[in-house]
Protein backbone atom coordinates (compact mmCIF):
# COMPACT_ATOMS: atom_id res chain seq x y z
CA GLN A 1 -5.29 17.22 -7.07
CA VAL A 2 -5.43 13.49 -6.40
CA GLN A 3 -7.67 11.81 -3.86
CA LEU A 4 -6.82 8.32 -2.64
CA VAL A 5 -9.19 5.99 -0.83
CA GLU A 6 -8.01 2.73 0.72
CA SER A 7 -10.27 -0.20 1.49
CA GLY A 8 -10.17 -3.83 2.46
CA GLY A 9 -8.45 -3.73 5.82
CA GLY A 10 -9.58 -5.85 8.72
CA LEU A 11 -8.74 -8.55 11.21
CA VAL A 12 -6.96 -11.68 10.01
CA GLN A 13 -5.32 -14.59 11.80
CA PRO A 14 -1.58 -15.20 11.63
CA GLY A 15 -0.74 -17.08 8.46
CA GLY A 16 -3.81 -15.73 6.73
CA SER A 17 -4.22 -13.52 3.67
CA LEU A 18 -5.78 -10.17 2.95
CA ARG A 19 -6.01 -7.90 -0.08
CA ILE A 20 -6.30 -4.16 0.30
CA SER A 21 -7.06 -1.66 -2.44
CA CYS A 22 -6.48 2.01 -3.14
CA THR A 23 -8.54 3.88 -5.71
CA ALA A 24 -7.55 7.28 -7.04
CA SER A 25 -9.58 10.13 -8.44
CA GLY A 26 -8.20 13.21 -10.13
CA GLY A 27 -4.79 13.49 -11.73
CA ILE A 28 -3.30 11.24 -14.38
CA PHE A 29 -3.06 7.97 -12.46
CA SER A 30 -0.89 6.17 -15.00
CA LEU A 31 1.94 8.67 -14.53
CA TYR A 32 2.28 8.19 -10.79
CA ILE A 33 4.59 5.95 -8.85
CA MET A 34 2.24 4.28 -6.39
CA GLY A 35 3.22 2.87 -3.05
CA TRP A 36 1.95 1.22 0.09
CA TYR A 37 3.35 2.31 3.42
CA ARG A 38 2.43 1.26 6.92
CA GLN A 39 2.72 2.70 10.39
CA ALA A 40 2.37 0.79 13.61
CA PRO A 41 1.81 2.54 16.96
CA GLY A 42 5.01 4.16 18.18
CA LYS A 43 6.88 3.36 14.99
CA LYS A 44 7.91 5.29 11.90
CA ARG A 45 6.00 5.00 8.66
CA GLU A 46 7.77 2.45 6.46
CA LEU A 47 7.63 1.32 2.86
CA VAL A 48 5.75 -1.89 2.16
CA ALA A 49 5.74 -1.97 -1.63
CA ARG A 50 6.10 0.36 -4.60
CA ILE A 51 5.13 0.11 -8.26
CA THR A 52 6.19 2.43 -11.05
CA SER A 53 4.09 3.62 -13.95
CA GLY A 54 5.76 0.91 -16.01
CA GLY A 55 4.95 -1.83 -13.53
CA SER A 56 8.35 -2.31 -11.90
CA THR A 57 8.00 -3.28 -8.26
CA THR A 58 10.08 -2.84 -5.12
CA TYR A 59 9.72 -4.66 -1.82
CA PRO A 60 11.69 -4.38 1.40
CA ASP A 61 13.06 -7.64 2.81
CA TYR A 62 10.49 -7.85 5.60
CA VAL A 63 7.62 -8.40 3.11
CA LYS A 64 9.43 -9.83 0.09
CA GLY A 65 7.91 -13.12 -0.98
CA ARG A 66 4.75 -12.53 1.06
CA PHE A 67 3.29 -9.30 -0.37
CA THR A 68 2.49 -8.43 -3.97
CA ILE A 69 1.62 -5.00 -5.30
CA SER A 70 -0.23 -4.54 -8.57
CA ARG A 71 -1.97 -1.77 -10.44
CA ASP A 72 -4.88 -1.43 -12.83
CA ASN A 73 -4.53 1.88 -14.62
CA ALA A 74 -7.95 1.59 -16.24
CA LYS A 75 -9.56 1.37 -12.79
CA LYS A 76 -7.09 3.85 -11.23
CA THR A 77 -6.53 1.29 -8.52
CA ILE A 78 -3.62 -0.43 -6.86
CA TYR A 79 -3.78 -3.57 -4.80
CA LEU A 80 -1.69 -5.16 -2.10
CA GLN A 81 -2.05 -8.90 -1.75
CA MET A 82 -0.70 -9.94 1.64
CA ASN A 83 -0.05 -13.61 2.34
CA ASN A 84 1.35 -15.45 5.34
CA LEU A 85 0.57 -12.49 7.54
CA LYS A 86 2.40 -12.08 10.83
CA SER A 87 1.51 -10.17 13.98
CA GLU A 88 4.24 -7.66 13.15
CA ASP A 89 2.34 -6.74 9.98
CA THR A 90 -0.31 -5.11 12.15
CA ALA A 91 -0.44 -1.42 11.24
CA VAL A 92 -2.37 1.26 9.43
CA TYR A 93 -1.64 0.88 5.74
CA TYR A 94 -1.46 4.01 3.62
CA CYS A 95 -1.52 4.48 -0.13
CA LYS A 96 0.78 7.08 -1.71
CA ALA A 97 0.90 8.63 -5.15
CA GLY A 98 3.86 10.64 -6.31
CA ARG A 99 6.19 11.49 -9.15
CA SER A 100 9.22 10.29 -7.18
CA ALA A 101 10.08 7.02 -5.47
CA MET A 102 11.01 9.04 -2.40
CA ILE A 103 8.61 10.70 -0.01
CA THR A 104 8.21 14.37 -0.92
CA SER A 105 5.95 17.22 0.07
CA ALA A 106 4.21 16.90 -3.29
CA ASP A 107 2.94 13.38 -2.60
CA TYR A 108 -0.69 12.45 -2.14
CA TRP A 109 -1.77 10.13 0.68
CA GLY A 110 -4.88 8.21 1.51
CA GLN A 111 -6.51 8.16 4.92
CA GLY A 112 -5.25 4.68 5.74
CA THR A 113 -6.83 1.31 6.42
CA GLN A 114 -6.23 -0.75 9.55
CA VAL A 115 -4.80 -4.25 9.20
CA THR A 116 -4.72 -6.31 12.38
CA VAL A 117 -3.10 -9.73 12.49
CA SER A 118 -4.14 -11.56 15.61
CA SER A 119 -5.55 -14.87 16.76
């Protein structure tokens, strides 16, 4: 069983930066594909960034060039550095751990952290 705890969310102005973190306990962290997803009110949960056990990263076009995902296996933690934030980035951000790049019933999820981009 893996437990995931996100932290670092908050209120930031448009154009600003924020770094959020997700720390895992239980399981063999280094084996998991880790991802950040977000869900805004009334919208579907969507991928923000993904990093494999080997460090390969994937970003959808709407965050590419602005967001960076990284992982520290020794600390069992992943990070999401978000730069040039826009109002449309406002959402609850969730951390996911899984053995597949896709969303499956075997995945582990954190409780989410709110990111609000507003002036």
